[in-house]
Amino acid sequence: MHEGARRGFKWAVLIGLGRPSWSGLLFHGLHRLATFFTRGYVKAGMELFSFVFMLFLGMKFCWRNRCSRRRIERPRRQAEERLEEKLQPHSAL
């Protein structure tokens, strides 16, 4: 609609006619791709790859979480101490 408003009616009609052909090509391509991934050995390979990849991501998350806590704790304590010094009144005035 934006291109049609910018460039005119002729351009909008050409875009409107081109859309179904691209959609058909895309649907046909996705259908062929889906039939490729449902083959026995390809499906088994993808399942194995996804299992190993998710296992890797889970382990990476666990290791990163454990290590990052150590790095964050000291600066957090320092920031809390500075904030406590600023907000705690040390005198009656």
Foldseek 3Di string as FASTA:
>chain_A
DVCCVVPHDVVVVVVVVVVVVVVVVVVVVVVVVVVVCPDDVNVVVVVVVVVVVVVVVVVVVVVVVVVVCVVPVVVVVVVVVVVCVVPDDPDPD
